[in-house]
Amino acid sequence: MIVYLVIIIDKSSLPERGQEISNLTNLPIWINVPCPSLQPEVKRTWLEYVSAFFTGVASLACIQRIRKVNKKNRTNIPTWDTVVDAVNRSITSSKPIDRSMFDIIITVYVTITFFALAVGLVFSVGKLWAIFGIFHNVMEVFIVSALLRMTRVNYVILITLIYSVVSTGAFSQLPWYWDAMFFKFQGLILDFMIPVLFSIVAYQNHVQSDEESQPLIDTNSTNSRLKGLGYLVFAAFVHLIGNISDVVGNDSSISITVFNLSYFVAFPIYAYYVYKDKTDKDNSVKPIQANITVFDFVLLFLWGTTASGISTLIGIKELRCT
């Protein structure tokens, strides 16, 4: 499929569509100059502001929930060092990240996403914005690593650091339009992987809880099913759909609407997962983990890369003016 799309993309038939210029910074941004046959698109819509606002509210809800839980448990508000130490202890003791720690990771993810959206509204999406926007993808790398629990958190931090430096260096040096498409391509790989990993966690948790509830296994056991995993799956799929629309549809009004709606829906759902009362003394430290092999992960990564590549090539093909 990728080979076919590469072949049919005739570079000579792609018009030189320039970049729009930011009114604030007077720098080029990642928005195409409209084709001559089309009416100029509105650069800002009310939905963009609403999406950013609700994502901000979602981040505050997550933070408030974490503070409430820590106050109830009479623990200090976690700092970055305490989070790292807790994750390291869980990994070195052969225990995966528990639910409460994963809630903190999701909280940071939602909060950073809000800041990325807010900065995008101020500076518009471009190379300057990408310095902030890359942290959204960095947190997605951290989520994938947390779900897999294949290495210590210090190595995860090193991996995310290398990822951010390499990605930032790449799109900062690439010319228009390849800088924007590379940024979308590498981010979409993670967006394809995360809903699959969440689905695996939810399915394995469902199977395990059903086995634990069987009287023949243990008549005194309780159902330790993790609650709320469906919210993670749904939010990740909505986020994926929005980003596919953005990559494939470029700057069309439909793709912009779908993209903003996806943030409007997905990140409040992430926040609801964190805020939702999941208290259960029988599974308070039950892990959030996808039990897959390294080979399975490689296949998942290749699938995400292929799917992202196809979406990106379709988006490039749609650059043609009719």
C-alpha atoms as a PDB file:
ATOM      1  CA  MET A   1       0.000   0.000   0.000  1.00  0.00           C
ATOM      2  CA  ILE A   2       2.795   2.425   0.927  1.00  0.00           C
ATOM      3  CA  VAL A   3       4.738   1.559  -2.246  1.00  0.00           C
ATOM      4  CA  TYR A   4       1.593   2.153  -4.330  1.00  0.00           C
ATOM      5  CA  LEU A   5       0.968   5.555  -2.767  1.00  0.00           C
ATOM      6  CA  VAL A   6       4.595   6.597  -3.236  1.00  0.00           C
ATOM      7  CA  ILE A   7       4.418   5.616  -6.921  1.00  0.00           C
ATOM      8  CA  ILE A   8       1.188   7.503  -7.661  1.00  0.00           C
ATOM      9  CA  ILE A   9       2.405  10.684  -5.976  1.00  0.00           C
ATOM     10  CA  ASP A  10       3.880  12.639  -8.853  1.00  0.00           C
ATOM     11  CA  LYS A  11       5.992  15.372  -7.288  1.00  0.00           C
ATOM     12  CA  SER A  12       5.808  17.485 -10.428  1.00  0.00           C
ATOM     13  CA  SER A  13       2.031  17.660 -10.120  1.00  0.00           C
ATOM     14  CA  LEU A  14       2.148  18.910  -6.550  1.00  0.00           C
ATOM     15  CA  PRO A  15       1.713  22.689  -6.617  1.00  0.00           C
ATOM     16  CA  GLU A  16       3.979  24.853  -4.525  1.00  0.00           C
ATOM     17  CA  ARG A  17       1.555  25.718  -1.770  1.00  0.00           C
ATOM     18  CA  GLY A  18       3.199  28.153   0.574  1.00  0.00           C
ATOM     19  CA  GLN A  19       2.719  28.606   4.293  1.00  0.00           C
ATOM     20  CA  GLU A  20       0.460  30.992   6.086  1.00  0.00           C
ATOM     21  CA  ILE A  21       2.194  33.563   8.285  1.00  0.00           C
ATOM     22  CA  SER A  22       1.436  34.039  11.979  1.00  0.00           C
ATOM     23  CA  ASN A  23       0.009  37.470  12.739  1.00  0.00           C
ATOM     24  CA  LEU A  24       1.728  37.437  16.132  1.00  0.00           C
ATOM     25  CA  THR A  25       5.245  36.206  15.376  1.00  0.00           C
ATOM     26  CA  ASN A  26       5.347  36.912  11.634  1.00  0.00           C
ATOM     27  CA  LEU A  27       6.837  33.422  11.240  1.00  0.00           C
ATOM     28  CA  PRO A  28       5.632  30.702   8.844  1.00  0.00           C
ATOM     29  CA  ILE A  29       3.145  28.272  10.385  1.00  0.00           C
ATOM     30  CA  TRP A  30       1.988  24.775   9.445  1.00  0.00           C
ATOM     31  CA  ILE A  31      -1.092  25.890   7.526  1.00  0.00           C
ATOM     32  CA  ASN A  32      -1.290  25.685   3.734  1.00  0.00           C
ATOM     33  CA  VAL A  33      -2.058  28.670   1.576  1.00  0.00           C
ATOM     34  CA  PRO A  34      -5.486  27.770   0.094  1.00  0.00           C
ATOM     35  CA  CYS A  35      -5.759  26.626  -3.509  1.00  0.00           C
ATOM     36  CA  PRO A  36      -6.878  29.374  -5.925  1.00  0.00           C
ATOM     37  CA  SER A  37     -10.198  27.621  -6.502  1.00  0.00           C
ATOM     38  CA  LEU A  38     -11.042  27.518  -2.809  1.00  0.00           C
ATOM     39  CA  GLN A  39     -12.196  30.154  -0.391  1.00  0.00           C
ATOM     40  CA  PRO A  40      -9.719  30.956   2.408  1.00  0.00           C
ATOM     41  CA  GLU A  41     -10.429  28.961   5.542  1.00  0.00           C
ATOM     42  CA  VAL A  42     -11.091  30.673   8.836  1.00  0.00           C
ATOM     43  CA  LYS A  43      -7.894  30.373  10.851  1.00  0.00           C
ATOM     44  CA  ARG A  44      -9.607  30.284  14.210  1.00  0.00           C
ATOM     45  CA  THR A  45     -12.953  28.752  15.083  1.00  0.00           C
ATOM     46  CA  TRP A  46     -14.893  28.804  18.306  1.00  0.00           C
ATOM     47  CA  LEU A  47     -14.455  25.033  18.564  1.00  0.00           C
ATOM     48  CA  GLU A  48     -10.679  25.425  18.957  1.00  0.00           C
ATOM     49  CA  TYR A  49     -11.136  27.686  21.957  1.00  0.00           C
ATOM     50  CA  VAL A  50     -13.819  25.453  23.449  1.00  0.00           C
ATOM     51  CA  SER A  51     -11.607  22.366  23.042  1.00  0.00           C
ATOM     52  CA  ALA A  52      -8.687  24.101  24.737  1.00  0.00           C
ATOM     53  CA  PHE A  53     -10.947  25.371  27.525  1.00  0.00           C
ATOM     54  CA  PHE A  54     -12.451  21.973  28.300  1.00  0.00           C
ATOM     55  CA  THR A  55      -9.033  20.330  28.158  1.00  0.00           C
ATOM     56  CA  GLY A  56      -7.863  22.895  30.708  1.00  0.00           C
ATOM     57  CA  VAL A  57     -10.868  22.146  32.915  1.00  0.00           C
ATOM     58  CA  ALA A  58     -10.086  18.440  32.532  1.00  0.00           C
ATOM     59  CA  SER A  59      -6.501  18.972  33.680  1.00  0.00           C
ATOM     60  CA  LEU A  60      -7.692  20.902  36.741  1.00  0.00           C
ATOM     61  CA  ALA A  61     -10.147  18.107  37.552  1.00  0.00           C
ATOM     62  CA  CYS A  62      -7.340  15.544  37.342  1.00  0.00           C
ATOM     63  CA  ILE A  63      -5.065  17.596  39.588  1.00  0.00           C
ATOM     64  CA  GLN A  64      -7.855  18.156  42.104  1.00  0.00           C
ATOM     65  CA  ARG A  65      -8.598  14.431  42.179  1.00  0.00           C
ATOM     66  CA  ILE A  66      -4.948  13.541  42.797  1.00  0.00           C
ATOM     67  CA  ARG A  67      -4.770  16.104  45.611  1.00  0.00           C
ATOM     68  CA  LYS A  68      -7.980  14.759  47.128  1.00  0.00           C
ATOM     69  CA  VAL A  69      -6.780  11.152  47.048  1.00  0.00           C
ATOM     70  CA  ASN A  70      -3.422  12.062  48.589  1.00  0.00           C
ATOM     71  CA  LYS A  71      -5.112  14.123  51.283  1.00  0.00           C
ATOM     72  CA  LYS A  72      -7.461  11.235  52.059  1.00  0.00           C
ATOM     73  CA  ASN A  73      -4.545   8.836  52.297  1.00  0.00           C
ATOM     74  CA  ARG A  74      -2.582  11.418  54.313  1.00  0.00           C
ATOM     75  CA  THR A  75       0.276  11.472  51.851  1.00  0.00           C
ATOM     76  CA  ASN A  76       2.178  14.423  50.472  1.00  0.00           C
ATOM     77  CA  ILE A  77       1.450  15.793  47.028  1.00  0.00           C
ATOM     78  CA  PRO A  78       3.774  13.814  44.744  1.00  0.00           C
ATOM     79  CA  THR A  79       6.717  15.616  43.206  1.00  0.00           C
ATOM     80  CA  TRP A  80       8.586  14.472  40.102  1.00  0.00           C
ATOM     81  CA  ASP A  81      11.257  12.817  42.290  1.00  0.00           C
ATOM     82  CA  THR A  82       8.693  10.899  44.330  1.00  0.00           C
ATOM     83  CA  VAL A  83       6.950   9.727  41.160  1.00  0.00           C
ATOM     84  CA  VAL A  84      10.256   8.504  39.711  1.00  0.00           C
ATOM     85  CA  ASP A  85      11.189   6.777  42.968  1.00  0.00           C
ATOM     86  CA  ALA A  86       7.804   5.086  43.227  1.00  0.00           C
ATOM     87  CA  VAL A  87       7.926   3.823  39.649  1.00  0.00           C
ATOM     88  CA  ASN A  88      11.508   2.611  40.107  1.00  0.00           C
ATOM     89  CA  ARG A  89      10.580   0.761  43.289  1.00  0.00           C
ATOM     90  CA  SER A  90       7.645  -0.931  41.595  1.00  0.00           C
ATOM     91  CA  ILE A  91       9.784  -2.019  38.652  1.00  0.00           C
ATOM     92  CA  THR A  92      12.832  -3.170  40.617  1.00  0.00           C
ATOM     93  CA  SER A  93      10.561  -5.168  42.921  1.00  0.00           C
ATOM     94  CA  SER A  94       9.029  -6.932  39.891  1.00  0.00           C
ATOM     95  CA  LYS A  95       5.748  -5.105  40.437  1.00  0.00           C
ATOM     96  CA  PRO A  96       4.252  -3.027  37.615  1.00  0.00           C
ATOM     97  CA  ILE A  97       2.913   0.499  37.942  1.00  0.00           C
ATOM     98  CA  ASP A  98      -0.248   0.504  40.042  1.00  0.00           C
ATOM     99  CA  ARG A  99      -3.478   2.292  39.301  1.00  0.00           C
ATOM    100  CA  SER A 100      -2.818   5.367  41.437  1.00  0.00           C
ATOM    101  CA  MET A 101       0.554   5.991  39.806  1.00  0.00           C
ATOM    102  CA  PHE A 102      -0.985   5.582  36.357  1.00  0.00           C
ATOM    103  CA  ASP A 103      -3.599   8.190  37.297  1.00  0.00           C
ATOM    104  CA  ILE A 104      -0.746  10.633  37.905  1.00  0.00           C
ATOM    105  CA  ILE A 105       0.745   9.847  34.492  1.00  0.00           C
ATOM    106  CA  ILE A 106      -2.620  10.496  32.807  1.00  0.00           C
ATOM    107  CA  THR A 107      -2.967  13.735  34.782  1.00  0.00           C
ATOM    108  CA  VAL A 108       0.394  14.989  33.504  1.00  0.00           C
ATOM    109  CA  TYR A 109      -0.608  13.912  29.979  1.00  0.00           C
ATOM    110  CA  VAL A 110      -3.870  15.882  30.054  1.00  0.00           C
ATOM    111  CA  THR A 111      -2.197  18.933  31.603  1.00  0.00           C
ATOM    112  CA  ILE A 112       0.616  19.044  29.040  1.00  0.00           C
ATOM    113  CA  THR A 113      -1.932  18.630  26.241  1.00  0.00           C
ATOM    114  CA  PHE A 114      -3.808  21.675  27.523  1.00  0.00           C
ATOM    115  CA  PHE A 115      -0.623  23.755  27.491  1.00  0.00           C
ATOM    116  CA  ALA A 116       0.144  22.563  23.949  1.00  0.00           C
ATOM    117  CA  LEU A 117      -3.337  23.609  22.797  1.00  0.00           C
ATOM    118  CA  ALA A 118      -3.081  26.959  24.568  1.00  0.00           C
ATOM    119  CA  VAL A 119       0.327  27.712  23.049  1.00  0.00           C
ATOM    120  CA  GLY A 120      -1.056  26.703  19.647  1.00  0.00           C
ATOM    121  CA  LEU A 121      -3.856  29.239  19.988  1.00  0.00           C
ATOM    122  CA  VAL A 122      -1.343  31.974  20.782  1.00  0.00           C
ATOM    123  CA  PHE A 123       1.494  31.241  18.356  1.00  0.00           C
ATOM    124  CA  SER A 124      -0.341  29.027  15.823  1.00  0.00           C
ATOM    125  CA  VAL A 125       0.948  25.554  14.994  1.00  0.00           C
ATOM    126  CA  GLY A 126       4.418  25.630  13.476  1.00  0.00           C
ATOM    127  CA  LYS A 127       8.054  25.020  14.293  1.00  0.00           C
ATOM    128  CA  LEU A 128       7.955  27.444  17.216  1.00  0.00           C
ATOM    129  CA  TRP A 129       4.867  25.719  18.641  1.00  0.00           C
ATOM    130  CA  ALA A 130       6.387  22.263  18.103  1.00  0.00           C
ATOM    131  CA  ILE A 131       8.958  22.970  20.817  1.00  0.00           C
ATOM    132  CA  PHE A 132       6.018  22.814  23.236  1.00  0.00           C
ATOM    133  CA  GLY A 133       3.847  20.386  21.272  1.00  0.00           C
ATOM    134  CA  ILE A 134       6.507  17.677  21.314  1.00  0.00           C
ATOM    135  CA  PHE A 135       5.911  17.203  25.057  1.00  0.00           C
ATOM    136  CA  HIS A 136       2.431  15.885  24.265  1.00  0.00           C
ATOM    137  CA  ASN A 137       4.086  13.111  22.263  1.00  0.00           C
ATOM    138  CA  VAL A 138       6.736  12.616  24.945  1.00  0.00           C
ATOM    139  CA  MET A 139       3.990  11.814  27.451  1.00  0.00           C
ATOM    140  CA  GLU A 140       2.512   9.329  24.995  1.00  0.00           C
ATOM    141  CA  VAL A 141       5.917   7.626  24.834  1.00  0.00           C
ATOM    142  CA  PHE A 142       5.863   7.537  28.631  1.00  0.00           C
ATOM    143  CA  ILE A 143       2.354   6.008  28.635  1.00  0.00           C
ATOM    144  CA  VAL A 144       3.428   3.267  26.223  1.00  0.00           C
ATOM    145  CA  SER A 145       6.484   2.530  28.365  1.00  0.00           C
ATOM    146  CA  ALA A 146       4.398   2.468  31.538  1.00  0.00           C
ATOM    147  CA  LEU A 147       1.950  -0.010  30.012  1.00  0.00           C
ATOM    148  CA  LEU A 148       4.728  -2.310  28.833  1.00  0.00           C
ATOM    149  CA  ARG A 149       6.905  -2.044  31.959  1.00  0.00           C
ATOM    150  CA  MET A 150       9.913  -3.367  30.064  1.00  0.00           C
ATOM    151  CA  THR A 151      12.558  -1.175  31.690  1.00  0.00           C
ATOM    152  CA  ARG A 152      13.346   1.165  34.571  1.00  0.00           C
ATOM    153  CA  VAL A 153      11.829   4.609  34.525  1.00  0.00           C
ATOM    154  CA  ASN A 154      15.273   6.220  34.313  1.00  0.00           C
ATOM    155  CA  TYR A 155      15.784   4.467  30.979  1.00  0.00           C
ATOM    156  CA  VAL A 156      12.292   5.505  29.909  1.00  0.00           C
ATOM    157  CA  ILE A 157      13.215   9.113  30.634  1.00  0.00           C
ATOM    158  CA  LEU A 158      16.403   8.666  28.610  1.00  0.00           C
ATOM    159  CA  ILE A 159      14.401   7.188  25.711  1.00  0.00           C
ATOM    160  CA  THR A 160      11.896  10.049  25.768  1.00  0.00           C
ATOM    161  CA  LEU A 161      14.739  12.566  25.929  1.00  0.00           C
ATOM    162  CA  ILE A 162      16.444  11.034  22.899  1.00  0.00           C
ATOM    163  CA  TYR A 163      13.089  10.859  21.112  1.00  0.00           C
ATOM    164  CA  SER A 164      12.331  14.531  21.755  1.00  0.00           C
ATOM    165  CA  VAL A 165      15.809  15.694  20.696  1.00  0.00           C
ATOM    166  CA  VAL A 166      15.834  13.604  17.500  1.00  0.00           C
ATOM    167  CA  SER A 167      12.271  14.555  16.550  1.00  0.00           C
ATOM    168  CA  THR A 168      12.810  18.244  17.277  1.00  0.00           C
ATOM    169  CA  GLY A 169      16.058  18.237  15.322  1.00  0.00           C
ATOM    170  CA  ALA A 170      14.399  16.515  12.365  1.00  0.00           C
ATOM    171  CA  PHE A 171      11.363  18.763  11.906  1.00  0.00           C
ATOM    172  CA  SER A 172      13.404  21.885  12.651  1.00  0.00           C
ATOM    173  CA  GLN A 173      15.711  21.128   9.712  1.00  0.00           C
ATOM    174  CA  LEU A 174      13.187  19.759   7.220  1.00  0.00           C
ATOM    175  CA  PRO A 175      11.739  22.202   4.672  1.00  0.00           C
ATOM    176  CA  TRP A 176       8.067  22.944   4.248  1.00  0.00           C
ATOM    177  CA  TYR A 177       5.858  20.798   3.806  1.00  0.00           C
ATOM    178  CA  TRP A 178       7.882  17.848   5.052  1.00  0.00           C
ATOM    179  CA  ASP A 179       8.498  19.336   8.495  1.00  0.00           C
ATOM    180  CA  ALA A 180       4.780  19.410   9.286  1.00  0.00           C
ATOM    181  CA  MET A 181       4.132  15.955   7.843  1.00  0.00           C
ATOM    182  CA  PHE A 182       7.060  14.427   9.747  1.00  0.00           C
ATOM    183  CA  PHE A 183       5.748  15.856  13.011  1.00  0.00           C
ATOM    184  CA  LYS A 184       2.316  14.427  12.283  1.00  0.00           C
ATOM    185  CA  PHE A 185       3.775  11.089  11.128  1.00  0.00           C
ATOM    186  CA  GLN A 186       5.828  10.404  14.256  1.00  0.00           C
ATOM    187  CA  GLY A 187       2.993  11.464  16.549  1.00  0.00           C
ATOM    188  CA  LEU A 188       0.440   9.341  14.727  1.00  0.00           C
ATOM    189  CA  ILE A 189       2.546   6.208  15.301  1.00  0.00           C
ATOM    190  CA  LEU A 190       1.962   6.576  19.041  1.00  0.00           C
ATOM    191  CA  ASP A 191      -1.707   7.396  18.506  1.00  0.00           C
ATOM    192  CA  PHE A 192      -2.163   4.099  16.667  1.00  0.00           C
ATOM    193  CA  MET A 193      -0.355   2.132  19.382  1.00  0.00           C
ATOM    194  CA  ILE A 194      -1.963   3.494  22.541  1.00  0.00           C
ATOM    195  CA  PRO A 195      -5.617   2.446  21.938  1.00  0.00           C
ATOM    196  CA  VAL A 196      -4.432  -1.057  21.064  1.00  0.00           C
ATOM    197  CA  LEU A 197      -2.419  -1.276  24.285  1.00  0.00           C
ATOM    198  CA  PHE A 198      -5.353   0.038  26.328  1.00  0.00           C
ATOM    199  CA  SER A 199      -7.603  -2.546  24.652  1.00  0.00           C
ATOM    200  CA  ILE A 200      -5.138  -5.314  25.529  1.00  0.00           C
ATOM    201  CA  VAL A 201      -5.049  -4.171  29.160  1.00  0.00           C
ATOM    202  CA  ALA A 202      -8.858  -4.049  29.315  1.00  0.00           C
ATOM    203  CA  TYR A 203      -9.263  -7.478  27.703  1.00  0.00           C
ATOM    204  CA  GLN A 204      -6.632  -9.165  29.865  1.00  0.00           C
ATOM    205  CA  ASN A 205      -8.131  -7.577  32.967  1.00  0.00           C
ATOM    206  CA  HIS A 206     -11.580  -8.836  31.950  1.00  0.00           C
ATOM    207  CA  VAL A 207     -10.312 -12.391  31.428  1.00  0.00           C
ATOM    208  CA  GLN A 208      -8.337 -12.384  34.665  1.00  0.00           C
ATOM    209  CA  SER A 209     -11.232 -11.059  36.734  1.00  0.00           C
ATOM    210  CA  ASP A 210     -13.558 -13.696  35.264  1.00  0.00           C
ATOM    211  CA  GLU A 211     -11.080 -16.416  36.212  1.00  0.00           C
ATOM    212  CA  GLU A 212     -10.749 -15.025  39.733  1.00  0.00           C
ATOM    213  CA  SER A 213     -14.522 -15.023  40.161  1.00  0.00           C
ATOM    214  CA  GLN A 214     -14.842 -18.742  39.351  1.00  0.00           C
ATOM    215  CA  PRO A 215     -15.778 -20.705  42.535  1.00  0.00           C
ATOM    216  CA  LEU A 216     -13.717 -23.706  41.402  1.00  0.00           C
ATOM    217  CA  ILE A 217     -10.567 -21.597  41.586  1.00  0.00           C
ATOM    218  CA  ASP A 218     -11.062 -19.875  44.922  1.00  0.00           C
ATOM    219  CA  THR A 219     -14.391 -19.626  46.709  1.00  0.00           C
ATOM    220  CA  ASN A 220     -13.141 -16.770  48.893  1.00  0.00           C
ATOM    221  CA  SER A 221     -11.715 -14.628  46.096  1.00  0.00           C
ATOM    222  CA  THR A 222     -13.252 -11.323  45.103  1.00  0.00           C
ATOM    223  CA  ASN A 223     -13.566  -9.866  41.662  1.00  0.00           C
ATOM    224  CA  SER A 224     -10.573  -7.542  41.329  1.00  0.00           C
ATOM    225  CA  ARG A 225     -11.483  -6.114  37.945  1.00  0.00           C
ATOM    226  CA  LEU A 226      -9.987  -2.703  37.356  1.00  0.00           C
ATOM    227  CA  LYS A 227     -12.672  -0.106  36.833  1.00  0.00           C
ATOM    228  CA  GLY A 228     -12.848   2.494  34.111  1.00  0.00           C
ATOM    229  CA  LEU A 229     -10.503   0.963  31.532  1.00  0.00           C
ATOM    230  CA  GLY A 230     -13.202   1.363  28.892  1.00  0.00           C
ATOM    231  CA  TYR A 231     -12.876   5.137  29.265  1.00  0.00           C
ATOM    232  CA  LEU A 232      -9.173   4.926  28.409  1.00  0.00           C
ATOM    233  CA  VAL A 233      -9.888   2.803  25.334  1.00  0.00           C
ATOM    234  CA  PHE A 234     -12.638   5.116  24.097  1.00  0.00           C
ATOM    235  CA  ALA A 235     -10.644   8.309  24.713  1.00  0.00           C
ATOM    236  CA  ALA A 236      -7.594   6.927  22.903  1.00  0.00           C
ATOM    237  CA  PHE A 237      -9.673   5.869  19.882  1.00  0.00           C
ATOM    238  CA  VAL A 238     -11.374   9.278  19.701  1.00  0.00           C
ATOM    239  CA  HIS A 239      -7.977  10.985  19.863  1.00  0.00           C
ATOM    240  CA  LEU A 240      -6.714   8.674  17.103  1.00  0.00           C
ATOM    241  CA  ILE A 241      -9.672   9.471  14.832  1.00  0.00           C
ATOM    242  CA  GLY A 242      -9.106  13.195  15.285  1.00  0.00           C
ATOM    243  CA  ASN A 243      -5.425  12.995  14.415  1.00  0.00           C
ATOM    244  CA  ILE A 244      -6.055  10.742  11.397  1.00  0.00           C
ATOM    245  CA  SER A 245      -8.526  13.349  10.163  1.00  0.00           C
ATOM    246  CA  ASP A 246      -5.947  16.094  10.652  1.00  0.00           C
ATOM    247  CA  VAL A 247      -3.235  14.185   8.757  1.00  0.00           C
ATOM    248  CA  VAL A 248      -5.412  12.922   5.899  1.00  0.00           C
ATOM    249  CA  GLY A 249      -7.603  15.992   5.485  1.00  0.00           C
ATOM    250  CA  ASN A 250      -4.884  18.612   5.942  1.00  0.00           C
ATOM    251  CA  ASP A 251      -6.533  22.012   6.428  1.00  0.00           C
ATOM    252  CA  SER A 252     -10.039  21.222   5.182  1.00  0.00           C
ATOM    253  CA  SER A 253     -12.899  22.531   7.291  1.00  0.00           C
ATOM    254  CA  ILE A 254     -14.153  18.992   7.980  1.00  0.00           C
ATOM    255  CA  SER A 255     -10.769  17.730   9.170  1.00  0.00           C
ATOM    256  CA  ILE A 256     -10.296  20.772  11.408  1.00  0.00           C
ATOM    257  CA  THR A 257     -13.735  20.231  12.947  1.00  0.00           C
ATOM    258  CA  VAL A 258     -13.170  16.514  13.571  1.00  0.00           C
ATOM    259  CA  PHE A 259      -9.715  17.212  15.025  1.00  0.00           C
ATOM    260  CA  ASN A 260     -10.996  19.808  17.495  1.00  0.00           C
ATOM    261  CA  LEU A 261     -14.006  17.683  18.427  1.00  0.00           C
ATOM    262  CA  SER A 262     -11.694  14.780  19.232  1.00  0.00           C
ATOM    263  CA  TYR A 263      -9.845  16.872  21.822  1.00  0.00           C
ATOM    264  CA  PHE A 264     -13.145  18.240  23.115  1.00  0.00           C
ATOM    265  CA  VAL A 265     -14.281  14.647  23.770  1.00  0.00           C
ATOM    266  CA  ALA A 266     -11.128  12.619  24.464  1.00  0.00           C
ATOM    267  CA  PHE A 267      -9.350  14.567  27.180  1.00  0.00           C
ATOM    268  CA  PRO A 268     -12.380  15.248  29.382  1.00  0.00           C
ATOM    269  CA  ILE A 269     -12.929  11.468  29.221  1.00  0.00           C
ATOM    270  CA  TYR A 270      -9.331  10.905  30.324  1.00  0.00           C
ATOM    271  CA  ALA A 271     -10.029  13.310  33.176  1.00  0.00           C
ATOM    272  CA  TYR A 272     -13.234  11.472  34.062  1.00  0.00           C
ATOM    273  CA  TYR A 273     -11.243   8.237  34.275  1.00  0.00           C
ATOM    274  CA  VAL A 274      -8.880   9.874  36.771  1.00  0.00           C
ATOM    275  CA  TYR A 275     -11.651  11.651  38.690  1.00  0.00           C
ATOM    276  CA  LYS A 276     -13.965   8.638  38.811  1.00  0.00           C
ATOM    277  CA  ASP A 277     -14.047   6.943  42.212  1.00  0.00           C
ATOM    278  CA  LYS A 278     -12.196   3.698  41.627  1.00  0.00           C
ATOM    279  CA  THR A 279     -11.554   3.008  45.311  1.00  0.00           C
ATOM    280  CA  ASP A 280     -11.446  -0.704  46.032  1.00  0.00           C
ATOM    281  CA  LYS A 281      -9.379  -2.062  48.897  1.00  0.00           C
ATOM    282  CA  ASP A 282      -9.084  -5.427  47.165  1.00  0.00           C
ATOM    283  CA  ASN A 283      -7.323  -4.010  44.107  1.00  0.00           C
ATOM    284  CA  SER A 284      -5.951  -0.675  45.265  1.00  0.00           C
ATOM    285  CA  VAL A 285      -2.525  -1.608  43.923  1.00  0.00           C
ATOM    286  CA  LYS A 286      -3.664  -3.726  40.998  1.00  0.00           C
ATOM    287  CA  PRO A 287      -1.314  -2.972  38.090  1.00  0.00           C
ATOM    288  CA  ILE A 288      -2.060  -1.276  34.802  1.00  0.00           C
ATOM    289  CA  GLN A 289      -0.063  -3.452  32.451  1.00  0.00           C
ATOM    290  CA  ALA A 290      -0.262  -5.013  28.989  1.00  0.00           C
ATOM    291  CA  ASN A 291       1.232  -8.487  29.186  1.00  0.00           C
ATOM    292  CA  ILE A 292       2.772  -8.792  25.743  1.00  0.00           C
ATOM    293  CA  THR A 293       6.106 -10.084  24.498  1.00  0.00           C
ATOM    294  CA  VAL A 294       8.865  -8.060  22.881  1.00  0.00           C
ATOM    295  CA  PHE A 295       7.927  -9.671  19.557  1.00  0.00           C
ATOM    296  CA  ASP A 296       4.311  -8.548  20.016  1.00  0.00           C
ATOM    297  CA  PHE A 297       5.502  -5.018  20.736  1.00  0.00           C
ATOM    298  CA  VAL A 298       7.682  -4.992  17.611  1.00  0.00           C
ATOM    299  CA  LEU A 299       4.675  -6.075  15.529  1.00  0.00           C
ATOM    300  CA  LEU A 300       2.552  -3.378  17.171  1.00  0.00           C
ATOM    301  CA  PHE A 301       5.198  -0.743  16.445  1.00  0.00           C
ATOM    302  CA  LEU A 302       5.506  -1.852  12.819  1.00  0.00           C
ATOM    303  CA  TRP A 303       1.724  -1.752  12.456  1.00  0.00           C
ATOM    304  CA  GLY A 304       1.576   1.757  13.941  1.00  0.00           C
ATOM    305  CA  THR A 305       4.397   2.927  11.676  1.00  0.00           C
ATOM    306  CA  THR A 306       2.753   1.431   8.586  1.00  0.00           C
ATOM    307  CA  ALA A 307      -0.686   2.848   9.399  1.00  0.00           C
ATOM    308  CA  SER A 308       0.821   6.260  10.129  1.00  0.00           C
ATOM    309  CA  GLY A 309       2.855   6.139   6.917  1.00  0.00           C
ATOM    310  CA  ILE A 310      -0.204   5.331   4.821  1.00  0.00           C
ATOM    311  CA  SER A 311      -2.196   8.138   6.455  1.00  0.00           C
ATOM    312  CA  THR A 312       0.651  10.596   5.897  1.00  0.00           C
ATOM    313  CA  LEU A 313       1.061   9.659   2.235  1.00  0.00           C
ATOM    314  CA  ILE A 314      -2.678  10.022   1.659  1.00  0.00           C
ATOM    315  CA  GLY A 315      -2.467  13.466   3.254  1.00  0.00           C
ATOM    316  CA  ILE A 316       0.394  14.437   0.948  1.00  0.00           C
ATOM    317  CA  LYS A 317      -1.591  13.204  -2.056  1.00  0.00           C
ATOM    318  CA  GLU A 318      -4.506  15.418  -1.018  1.00  0.00           C
ATOM    319  CA  LEU A 319      -2.289  18.506  -1.294  1.00  0.00           C
ATOM    320  CA  ARG A 320      -3.062  18.705  -4.991  1.00  0.00           C
ATOM    321  CA  CYS A 321      -5.215  21.604  -6.077  1.00  0.00           C
ATOM    322  CA  THR A 322      -8.062  20.655  -8.399  1.00  0.00           C
END
